[in-house]
Amino acid sequence: MKRAARRLLGAALAALLPAAFGQDAERGRLLYETHCLSCHYERIHRRASERSLVKSLAALRVEVARRAALVPRRFSVEELDDLAEYLNRSHYRFEN
């Protein structure tokens, strides 16, 4: 599947997933792939810990919200939580 088609499918699926059930890492993944990968790629999350701004789950949540505020699309609080949950499970692995 081409990248644009995957993005469109991801956006459609993300819109259909319920936000009311707490943090949803799969929805976060779809949001990340749809809205975040166009500006940076996942390698940014694998940099050495001493070079990372993210040192805790709380810092990850702050950084996700800060970065999201830089783009024209407005994310809901639930979407920001889902993005942070996805990134934590897939890259950072901080304790909840």
PDB file of N, CA and C in Angstrom:
ATOM      1  N   MET A   1       0.854  -1.176   0.000  1.00  0.00           N
ATOM      2  CA  MET A   1       0.000   0.000   0.000  1.00  0.00           C
ATOM      3  C   MET A   1       0.899   1.238   0.000  1.00  0.00           C
ATOM      4  N   LYS A   2       0.561   2.180  -0.821  1.00  0.00           N
ATOM      5  CA  LYS A   2       1.362   3.386  -0.905  1.00  0.00           C
ATOM      6  C   LYS A   2       1.232   4.210   0.363  1.00  0.00           C
ATOM      7  N   ARG A   3       2.240   5.030   0.622  1.00  0.00           N
ATOM      8  CA  ARG A   3       2.312   5.823   1.863  1.00  0.00           C
ATOM      9  C   ARG A   3       1.093   6.736   2.038  1.00  0.00           C
ATOM     10  N   ALA A   4       0.680   7.430   0.976  1.00  0.00           N
ATOM     11  CA  ALA A   4      -0.477   8.338   1.068  1.00  0.00           C
ATOM     12  C   ALA A   4      -1.746   7.558   1.402  1.00  0.00           C
ATOM     13  N   ALA A   5      -1.909   6.397   0.797  1.00  0.00           N
ATOM     14  CA  ALA A   5      -3.086   5.567   1.080  1.00  0.00           C
ATOM     15  C   ALA A   5      -3.057   5.068   2.518  1.00  0.00           C
ATOM     16  N   ARG A   6      -1.868   4.699   3.015  1.00  0.00           N
ATOM     17  CA  ARG A   6      -1.749   4.259   4.412  1.00  0.00           C
ATOM     18  C   ARG A   6      -2.107   5.384   5.361  1.00  0.00           C
ATOM     19  N   ARG A   7      -1.657   6.594   5.035  1.00  0.00           N
ATOM     20  CA  ARG A   7      -1.972   7.751   5.878  1.00  0.00           C
ATOM     21  C   ARG A   7      -3.477   8.004   5.918  1.00  0.00           C
ATOM     22  N   LEU A   8      -4.105   7.956   4.752  1.00  0.00           N
ATOM     23  CA  LEU A   8      -5.541   8.185   4.686  1.00  0.00           C
ATOM     24  C   LEU A   8      -6.291   7.110   5.458  1.00  0.00           C
ATOM     25  N   LEU A   9      -5.897   5.874   5.281  1.00  0.00           N
ATOM     26  CA  LEU A   9      -6.511   4.776   6.023  1.00  0.00           C
ATOM     27  C   LEU A   9      -6.273   4.943   7.516  1.00  0.00           C
ATOM     28  N   GLY A  10      -5.062   5.310   7.902  1.00  0.00           N
ATOM     29  CA  GLY A  10      -4.750   5.532   9.313  1.00  0.00           C
ATOM     30  C   GLY A  10      -5.597   6.634   9.913  1.00  0.00           C
ATOM     31  N   ALA A  11      -5.773   7.717   9.178  1.00  0.00           N
ATOM     32  CA  ALA A  11      -6.589   8.831   9.680  1.00  0.00           C
ATOM     33  C   ALA A  11      -8.039   8.405   9.836  1.00  0.00           C
ATOM     34  N   ALA A  12      -8.535   7.648   8.865  1.00  0.00           N
ATOM     35  CA  ALA A  12      -9.926   7.185   8.951  1.00  0.00           C
ATOM     36  C   ALA A  12     -10.108   6.240  10.133  1.00  0.00           C
ATOM     37  N   LEU A  13      -9.175   5.321  10.307  1.00  0.00           N
ATOM     38  CA  LEU A  13      -9.272   4.385  11.432  1.00  0.00           C
ATOM     39  C   LEU A  13      -9.142   5.105  12.765  1.00  0.00           C
ATOM     40  N   ALA A  14      -8.240   6.067  12.845  1.00  0.00           N
ATOM     41  CA  ALA A  14      -8.065   6.820  14.091  1.00  0.00           C
ATOM     42  C   ALA A  14      -9.335   7.570  14.453  1.00  0.00           C
ATOM     43  N   ALA A  15     -10.017   8.080  13.453  1.00  0.00           N
ATOM     44  CA  ALA A  15     -11.258   8.813  13.722  1.00  0.00           C
ATOM     45  C   ALA A  15     -12.354   7.888  14.218  1.00  0.00           C
ATOM     46  N   LEU A  16     -12.290   6.621  13.836  1.00  0.00           N
ATOM     47  CA  LEU A  16     -13.322   5.661  14.241  1.00  0.00           C
ATOM     48  C   LEU A  16     -13.075   5.039  15.602  1.00  0.00           C
ATOM     49  N   LEU A  17     -11.845   5.067  16.052  1.00  0.00           N
ATOM     50  CA  LEU A  17     -11.520   4.435  17.331  1.00  0.00           C
ATOM     51  C   LEU A  17     -12.040   5.267  18.495  1.00  0.00           C
ATOM     52  N   PRO A  18     -12.600   4.615  19.506  1.00  0.00           N
ATOM     53  CA  PRO A  18     -13.150   5.375  20.633  1.00  0.00           C
ATOM     54  C   PRO A  18     -12.062   5.985  21.495  1.00  0.00           C
ATOM     55  N   ALA A  19     -12.232   7.255  21.850  1.00  0.00           N
ATOM     56  CA  ALA A  19     -11.268   7.950  22.698  1.00  0.00           C
ATOM     57  C   ALA A  19     -11.651   7.861  24.166  1.00  0.00           C
ATOM     58  N   ALA A  20     -12.843   7.394  24.449  1.00  0.00           N
ATOM     59  CA  ALA A  20     -13.360   7.426  25.817  1.00  0.00           C
ATOM     60  C   ALA A  20     -12.846   6.293  26.693  1.00  0.00           C
ATOM     61  N   PHE A  21     -12.058   5.402  26.158  1.00  0.00           N
ATOM     62  CA  PHE A  21     -11.635   4.232  26.921  1.00  0.00           C
ATOM     63  C   PHE A  21     -10.224   4.340  27.465  1.00  0.00           C
ATOM     64  N   GLY A  22      -9.734   5.539  27.659  1.00  0.00           N
ATOM     65  CA  GLY A  22      -8.398   5.708  28.203  1.00  0.00           C
ATOM     66  C   GLY A  22      -7.358   5.702  27.105  1.00  0.00           C
ATOM     67  N   GLN A  23      -6.151   5.471  27.510  1.00  0.00           N
ATOM     68  CA  GLN A  23      -5.038   5.525  26.566  1.00  0.00           C
ATOM     69  C   GLN A  23      -5.076   4.328  25.638  1.00  0.00           C
ATOM     70  N   ASP A  24      -4.948   4.596  24.367  1.00  0.00           N
ATOM     71  CA  ASP A  24      -5.041   3.579  23.328  1.00  0.00           C
ATOM     72  C   ASP A  24      -3.781   3.658  22.465  1.00  0.00           C
ATOM     73  N   ALA A  25      -2.846   2.761  22.720  1.00  0.00           N
ATOM     74  CA  ALA A  25      -1.559   2.795  22.015  1.00  0.00           C
ATOM     75  C   ALA A  25      -1.727   2.576  20.519  1.00  0.00           C
ATOM     76  N   GLU A  26      -2.675   1.741  20.110  1.00  0.00           N
ATOM     77  CA  GLU A  26      -2.878   1.505  18.683  1.00  0.00           C
ATOM     78  C   GLU A  26      -3.388   2.777  18.000  1.00  0.00           C
ATOM     79  N   ARG A  27      -4.310   3.454  18.623  1.00  0.00           N
ATOM     80  CA  ARG A  27      -4.786   4.729  18.080  1.00  0.00           C
ATOM     81  C   ARG A  27      -3.627   5.728  18.049  1.00  0.00           C
ATOM     82  N   GLY A  28      -2.794   5.728  19.078  1.00  0.00           N
ATOM     83  CA  GLY A  28      -1.622   6.591  19.102  1.00  0.00           C
ATOM     84  C   GLY A  28      -0.678   6.299  17.950  1.00  0.00           C
ATOM     85  N   ARG A  29      -0.506   5.016  17.641  1.00  0.00           N
ATOM     86  CA  ARG A  29       0.350   4.629  16.509  1.00  0.00           C
ATOM     87  C   ARG A  29      -0.213   5.177  15.202  1.00  0.00           C
ATOM     88  N   LEU A  30      -1.515   5.026  15.015  1.00  0.00           N
ATOM     89  CA  LEU A  30      -2.140   5.536  13.795  1.00  0.00           C
ATOM     90  C   LEU A  30      -2.008   7.052  13.693  1.00  0.00           C
ATOM     91  N   LEU A  31      -2.212   7.735  14.804  1.00  0.00           N
ATOM     92  CA  LEU A  31      -2.044   9.190  14.818  1.00  0.00           C
ATOM     93  C   LEU A  31      -0.602   9.573  14.499  1.00  0.00           C
ATOM     94  N   TYR A  32       0.336   8.865  15.103  1.00  0.00           N
ATOM     95  CA  TYR A  32       1.758   9.147  14.875  1.00  0.00           C
ATOM     96  C   TYR A  32       2.119   8.948  13.404  1.00  0.00           C
ATOM     97  N   GLU A  33       1.700   7.814  12.851  1.00  0.00           N
ATOM     98  CA  GLU A  33       2.028   7.531  11.457  1.00  0.00           C
ATOM     99  C   GLU A  33       1.362   8.517  10.507  1.00  0.00           C
ATOM    100  N   THR A  34       0.197   8.991  10.862  1.00  0.00           N
ATOM    101  CA  THR A  34      -0.543   9.902  10.002  1.00  0.00           C
ATOM    102  C   THR A  34      -0.048  11.340  10.102  1.00  0.00           C
ATOM    103  N   HIS A  35       0.278  11.791  11.318  1.00  0.00           N
ATOM    104  CA  HIS A  35       0.546  13.212  11.522  1.00  0.00           C
ATOM    105  C   HIS A  35       1.981  13.561  11.924  1.00  0.00           C
ATOM    106  N   CYS A  36       2.757  12.600  12.359  1.00  0.00           N
ATOM    107  CA  CYS A  36       4.079  12.926  12.895  1.00  0.00           C
ATOM    108  C   CYS A  36       5.233  12.493  11.991  1.00  0.00           C
ATOM    109  N   LEU A  37       5.071  11.382  11.308  1.00  0.00           N
ATOM    110  CA  LEU A  37       6.169  10.856  10.495  1.00  0.00           C
ATOM    111  C   LEU A  37       6.542  11.751   9.324  1.00  0.00           C
ATOM    112  N   SER A  38       5.662  12.649   8.928  1.00  0.00           N
ATOM    113  CA  SER A  38       5.999  13.508   7.790  1.00  0.00           C
ATOM    114  C   SER A  38       7.103  14.508   8.137  1.00  0.00           C
ATOM    115  N   CYS A  39       7.255  14.839   9.421  1.00  0.00           N
ATOM    116  CA  CYS A  39       8.285  15.801   9.837  1.00  0.00           C
ATOM    117  C   CYS A  39       9.519  15.135  10.445  1.00  0.00           C
ATOM    118  N   HIS A  40       9.330  14.048  11.120  1.00  0.00           N
ATOM    119  CA  HIS A  40      10.477  13.327  11.676  1.00  0.00           C
ATOM    120  C   HIS A  40      10.160  11.843  11.725  1.00  0.00           C
ATOM    121  N   TYR A  41      11.188  11.056  11.814  1.00  0.00           N
ATOM    122  CA  TYR A  41      11.011   9.618  11.764  1.00  0.00           C
ATOM    123  C   TYR A  41      11.344   9.018  13.126  1.00  0.00           C
ATOM    124  N   GLU A  42      11.030   7.755  13.289  1.00  0.00           N
ATOM    125  CA  GLU A  42      11.096   7.122  14.599  1.00  0.00           C
ATOM    126  C   GLU A  42      12.506   7.051  15.190  1.00  0.00           C
ATOM    127  N   ARG A  43      13.527   7.195  14.383  1.00  0.00           N
ATOM    128  CA  ARG A  43      14.889   7.138  14.919  1.00  0.00           C
ATOM    129  C   ARG A  43      15.129   8.225  15.969  1.00  0.00           C
ATOM    130  N   ILE A  44      14.381   9.318  15.881  1.00  0.00           N
ATOM    131  CA  ILE A  44      14.544  10.402  16.854  1.00  0.00           C
ATOM    132  C   ILE A  44      14.279   9.902  18.277  1.00  0.00           C
ATOM    133  N   HIS A  45      13.437   8.908  18.424  1.00  0.00           N
ATOM    134  CA  HIS A  45      13.091   8.377  19.743  1.00  0.00           C
ATOM    135  C   HIS A  45      14.130   7.388  20.264  1.00  0.00           C
ATOM    136  N   ARG A  46      15.083   7.043  19.426  1.00  0.00           N
ATOM    137  CA  ARG A  46      16.099   6.062  19.824  1.00  0.00           C
ATOM    138  C   ARG A  46      17.457   6.689  20.105  1.00  0.00           C
ATOM    139  N   ARG A  47      17.481   8.000  20.228  1.00  0.00           N
ATOM    140  CA  ARG A  47      18.767   8.655  20.494  1.00  0.00           C
ATOM    141  C   ARG A  47      19.229   8.330  21.910  1.00  0.00           C
ATOM    142  N   ALA A  48      20.486   8.540  22.170  1.00  0.00           N
ATOM    143  CA  ALA A  48      21.062   8.246  23.486  1.00  0.00           C
ATOM    144  C   ALA A  48      20.309   9.011  24.570  1.00  0.00           C
ATOM    145  N   SER A  49      20.081   8.366  25.688  1.00  0.00           N
ATOM    146  CA  SER A  49      19.277   8.976  26.753  1.00  0.00           C
ATOM    147  C   SER A  49      19.861  10.301  27.250  1.00  0.00           C
ATOM    148  N   GLU A  50      21.170  10.436  27.231  1.00  0.00           N
ATOM    149  CA  GLU A  50      21.766  11.699  27.683  1.00  0.00           C
ATOM    150  C   GLU A  50      21.489  12.848  26.705  1.00  0.00           C
ATOM    151  N   ARG A  51      21.126  12.534  25.478  1.00  0.00           N
ATOM    152  CA  ARG A  51      20.797  13.559  24.482  1.00  0.00           C
ATOM    153  C   ARG A  51      19.298  13.814  24.370  1.00  0.00           C
ATOM    154  N   SER A  52      18.508  12.993  25.028  1.00  0.00           N
ATOM    155  CA  SER A  52      17.059  13.096  24.922  1.00  0.00           C
ATOM    156  C   SER A  52      16.484  14.102  25.918  1.00  0.00           C
ATOM    157  N   LEU A  53      15.453  14.825  25.488  1.00  0.00           N
ATOM    158  CA  LEU A  53      14.723  15.717  26.385  1.00  0.00           C
ATOM    159  C   LEU A  53      13.771  14.928  27.284  1.00  0.00           C
ATOM    160  N   VAL A  54      13.503  13.703  26.910  1.00  0.00           N
ATOM    161  CA  VAL A  54      12.508  12.881  27.587  1.00  0.00           C
ATOM    162  C   VAL A  54      13.201  11.937  28.568  1.00  0.00           C
ATOM    163  N   LYS A  55      12.968  12.179  29.864  1.00  0.00           N
ATOM    164  CA  LYS A  55      13.604  11.374  30.912  1.00  0.00           C
ATOM    165  C   LYS A  55      12.589  10.631  31.776  1.00  0.00           C
ATOM    166  N   SER A  56      11.288  10.884  31.551  1.00  0.00           N
ATOM    167  CA  SER A  56      10.241  10.251  32.351  1.00  0.00           C
ATOM    168  C   SER A  56       8.946  10.247  31.537  1.00  0.00           C
ATOM    169  N   LEU A  57       7.960   9.507  32.027  1.00  0.00           N
ATOM    170  CA  LEU A  57       6.664   9.471  31.359  1.00  0.00           C
ATOM    171  C   LEU A  57       6.024  10.861  31.367  1.00  0.00           C
ATOM    172  N   ALA A  58       6.148  11.582  32.471  1.00  0.00           N
ATOM    173  CA  ALA A  58       5.604  12.935  32.548  1.00  0.00           C
ATOM    174  C   ALA A  58       6.276  13.845  31.516  1.00  0.00           C
ATOM    175  N   ALA A  59       7.581  13.729  31.380  1.00  0.00           N
ATOM    176  CA  ALA A  59       8.314  14.541  30.395  1.00  0.00           C
ATOM    177  C   ALA A  59       7.909  14.166  28.969  1.00  0.00           C
ATOM    178  N   LEU A  60       7.633  12.886  28.745  1.00  0.00           N
ATOM    179  CA  LEU A  60       7.173  12.440  27.429  1.00  0.00           C
ATOM    180  C   LEU A  60       5.831  13.082  27.096  1.00  0.00           C
ATOM    181  N   ARG A  61       4.922  13.087  28.051  1.00  0.00           N
ATOM    182  CA  ARG A  61       3.597  13.697  27.835  1.00  0.00           C
ATOM    183  C   ARG A  61       3.729  15.199  27.536  1.00  0.00           C
ATOM    184  N   VAL A  62       4.592  15.863  28.261  1.00  0.00           N
ATOM    185  CA  VAL A  62       4.813  17.299  28.027  1.00  0.00           C
ATOM    186  C   VAL A  62       5.390  17.519  26.635  1.00  0.00           C
ATOM    187  N   GLU A  63       6.367  16.715  26.259  1.00  0.00           N
ATOM    188  CA  GLU A  63       7.016  16.880  24.955  1.00  0.00           C
ATOM    189  C   GLU A  63       6.040  16.590  23.814  1.00  0.00           C
ATOM    190  N   VAL A  64       5.194  15.572  23.960  1.00  0.00           N
ATOM    191  CA  VAL A  64       4.182  15.278  22.940  1.00  0.00           C
ATOM    192  C   VAL A  64       3.251  16.481  22.775  1.00  0.00           C
ATOM    193  N   ALA A  65       2.771  17.031  23.882  1.00  0.00           N
ATOM    194  CA  ALA A  65       1.869  18.184  23.817  1.00  0.00           C
ATOM    195  C   ALA A  65       2.576  19.405  23.220  1.00  0.00           C
ATOM    196  N   ARG A  66       3.825  19.597  23.589  1.00  0.00           N
ATOM    197  CA  ARG A  66       4.592  20.745  23.076  1.00  0.00           C
ATOM    198  C   ARG A  66       4.788  20.637  21.566  1.00  0.00           C
ATOM    199  N   ARG A  67       5.151  19.462  21.104  1.00  0.00           N
ATOM    200  CA  ARG A  67       5.366  19.257  19.663  1.00  0.00           C
ATOM    201  C   ARG A  67       4.051  19.356  18.892  1.00  0.00           C
ATOM    202  N   ALA A  68       2.981  18.825  19.474  1.00  0.00           N
ATOM    203  CA  ALA A  68       1.677  18.875  18.809  1.00  0.00           C
ATOM    204  C   ALA A  68       1.189  20.302  18.638  1.00  0.00           C
ATOM    205  N   ALA A  69       1.552  21.175  19.554  1.00  0.00           N
ATOM    206  CA  ALA A  69       1.131  22.578  19.470  1.00  0.00           C
ATOM    207  C   ALA A  69       1.813  23.317  18.313  1.00  0.00           C
ATOM    208  N   LEU A  70       2.843  22.724  17.728  1.00  0.00           N
ATOM    209  CA  LEU A  70       3.584  23.365  16.642  1.00  0.00           C
ATOM    210  C   LEU A  70       2.978  23.111  15.263  1.00  0.00           C
ATOM    211  N   VAL A  71       1.988  22.237  15.182  1.00  0.00           N
ATOM    212  CA  VAL A  71       1.389  21.899  13.893  1.00  0.00           C
ATOM    213  C   VAL A  71      -0.016  22.494  13.802  1.00  0.00           C
ATOM    214  N   PRO A  72      -0.503  22.703  12.584  1.00  0.00           N
ATOM    215  CA  PRO A  72      -1.823  23.313  12.428  1.00  0.00           C
ATOM    216  C   PRO A  72      -2.979  22.465  12.979  1.00  0.00           C
ATOM    217  N   ARG A  73      -2.860  21.155  12.915  1.00  0.00           N
ATOM    218  CA  ARG A  73      -3.929  20.287  13.397  1.00  0.00           C
ATOM    219  C   ARG A  73      -3.995  20.358  14.916  1.00  0.00           C
ATOM    220  N   ARG A  74      -5.170  20.454  15.449  1.00  0.00           N
ATOM    221  CA  ARG A  74      -5.354  20.462  16.901  1.00  0.00           C
ATOM    222  C   ARG A  74      -5.729  19.067  17.375  1.00  0.00           C
ATOM    223  N   PHE A  75      -4.967  18.567  18.328  1.00  0.00           N
ATOM    224  CA  PHE A  75      -5.201  17.247  18.892  1.00  0.00           C
ATOM    225  C   PHE A  75      -6.002  17.379  20.183  1.00  0.00           C
ATOM    226  N   SER A  76      -6.896  16.438  20.409  1.00  0.00           N
ATOM    227  CA  SER A  76      -7.634  16.411  21.669  1.00  0.00           C
ATOM    228  C   SER A  76      -6.704  15.908  22.773  1.00  0.00           C
ATOM    229  N   VAL A  77      -7.103  16.095  24.004  1.00  0.00           N
ATOM    230  CA  VAL A  77      -6.326  15.579  25.137  1.00  0.00           C
ATOM    231  C   VAL A  77      -6.206  14.066  25.027  1.00  0.00           C
ATOM    232  N   GLU A  78      -7.285  13.414  24.625  1.00  0.00           N
ATOM    233  CA  GLU A  78      -7.260  11.954  24.477  1.00  0.00           C
ATOM    234  C   GLU A  78      -6.261  11.530  23.401  1.00  0.00           C
ATOM    235  N   GLU A  79      -6.209  12.263  22.301  1.00  0.00           N
ATOM    236  CA  GLU A  79      -5.257  11.936  21.241  1.00  0.00           C
ATOM    237  C   GLU A  79      -3.826  12.128  21.717  1.00  0.00           C
ATOM    238  N   LEU A  80      -3.567  13.185  22.458  1.00  0.00           N
ATOM    239  CA  LEU A  80      -2.224  13.400  23.003  1.00  0.00           C
ATOM    240  C   LEU A  80      -1.847  12.272  23.956  1.00  0.00           C
ATOM    241  N   ASP A  81      -2.789  11.850  24.780  1.00  0.00           N
ATOM    242  CA  ASP A  81      -2.533  10.715  25.681  1.00  0.00           C
ATOM    243  C   ASP A  81      -2.228   9.447  24.890  1.00  0.00           C
ATOM    244  N   ASP A  82      -2.974   9.226  23.816  1.00  0.00           N
ATOM    245  CA  ASP A  82      -2.758   8.041  22.990  1.00  0.00           C
ATOM    246  C   ASP A  82      -1.402   8.088  22.292  1.00  0.00           C
ATOM    247  N   LEU A  83      -1.025   9.248  21.801  1.00  0.00           N
ATOM    248  CA  LEU A  83       0.301   9.398  21.189  1.00  0.00           C
ATOM    249  C   LEU A  83       1.403   9.105  22.198  1.00  0.00           C
ATOM    250  N   ALA A  84       1.282   9.669  23.386  1.00  0.00           N
ATOM    251  CA  ALA A  84       2.290   9.427  24.423  1.00  0.00           C
ATOM    252  C   ALA A  84       2.316   7.953  24.816  1.00  0.00           C
ATOM    253  N   GLU A  85       1.157   7.323  24.909  1.00  0.00           N
ATOM    254  CA  GLU A  85       1.100   5.900  25.256  1.00  0.00           C
ATOM    255  C   GLU A  85       1.787   5.056  24.196  1.00  0.00           C
ATOM    256  N   TYR A  86       1.514   5.343  22.936  1.00  0.00           N
ATOM    257  CA  TYR A  86       2.169   4.622  21.848  1.00  0.00           C
ATOM    258  C   TYR A  86       3.695   4.784  21.929  1.00  0.00           C
ATOM    259  N   LEU A  87       4.153   6.020  22.057  1.00  0.00           N
ATOM    260  CA  LEU A  87       5.595   6.257  22.107  1.00  0.00           C
ATOM    261  C   LEU A  87       6.231   5.601  23.328  1.00  0.00           C
ATOM    262  N   ASN A  88       5.536   5.618  24.440  1.00  0.00           N
ATOM    263  CA  ASN A  88       6.087   4.983  25.634  1.00  0.00           C
ATOM    264  C   ASN A  88       6.197   3.473  25.442  1.00  0.00           C
ATOM    265  N   ARG A  89       5.158   2.854  24.922  1.00  0.00           N
ATOM    266  CA  ARG A  89       5.189   1.397  24.726  1.00  0.00           C
ATOM    267  C   ARG A  89       6.175   0.973  23.647  1.00  0.00           C
ATOM    268  N   SER A  90       6.289   1.773  22.583  1.00  0.00           N
ATOM    269  CA  SER A  90       7.110   1.356  21.466  1.00  0.00           C
ATOM    270  C   SER A  90       8.572   1.763  21.586  1.00  0.00           C
ATOM    271  N   HIS A  91       8.882   2.821  22.360  1.00  0.00           N
ATOM    272  CA  HIS A  91      10.253   3.321  22.395  1.00  0.00           C
ATOM    273  C   HIS A  91      10.822   3.562  23.798  1.00  0.00           C
ATOM    274  N   TYR A  92      10.071   4.245  24.637  1.00  0.00           N
ATOM    275  CA  TYR A  92      10.651   4.737  25.883  1.00  0.00           C
ATOM    276  C   TYR A  92      10.549   3.745  27.043  1.00  0.00           C
ATOM    277  N   ARG A  93       9.410   3.131  27.179  1.00  0.00           N
ATOM    278  CA  ARG A  93       9.161   2.092  28.187  1.00  0.00           C
ATOM    279  C   ARG A  93       9.362   2.581  29.637  1.00  0.00           C
ATOM    280  N   PHE A  94       8.813   3.759  29.936  1.00  0.00           N
ATOM    281  CA  PHE A  94       8.809   4.255  31.298  1.00  0.00           C
ATOM    282  C   PHE A  94       7.722   3.522  32.088  1.00  0.00           C
ATOM    283  N   GLU A  95       7.924   3.376  33.374  1.00  0.00           N
ATOM    284  CA  GLU A  95       6.902   2.760  34.237  1.00  0.00           C
ATOM    285  C   GLU A  95       5.744   3.728  34.386  1.00  0.00           C
ATOM    286  N   ASN A  96       4.530   3.194  34.403  1.00  0.00           N
ATOM    287  CA  ASN A  96       3.341   4.040  34.600  1.00  0.00           C
ATOM    288  C   ASN A  96       3.162   4.378  36.050  1.00  0.00           C
TER     289      ASN A  96
END
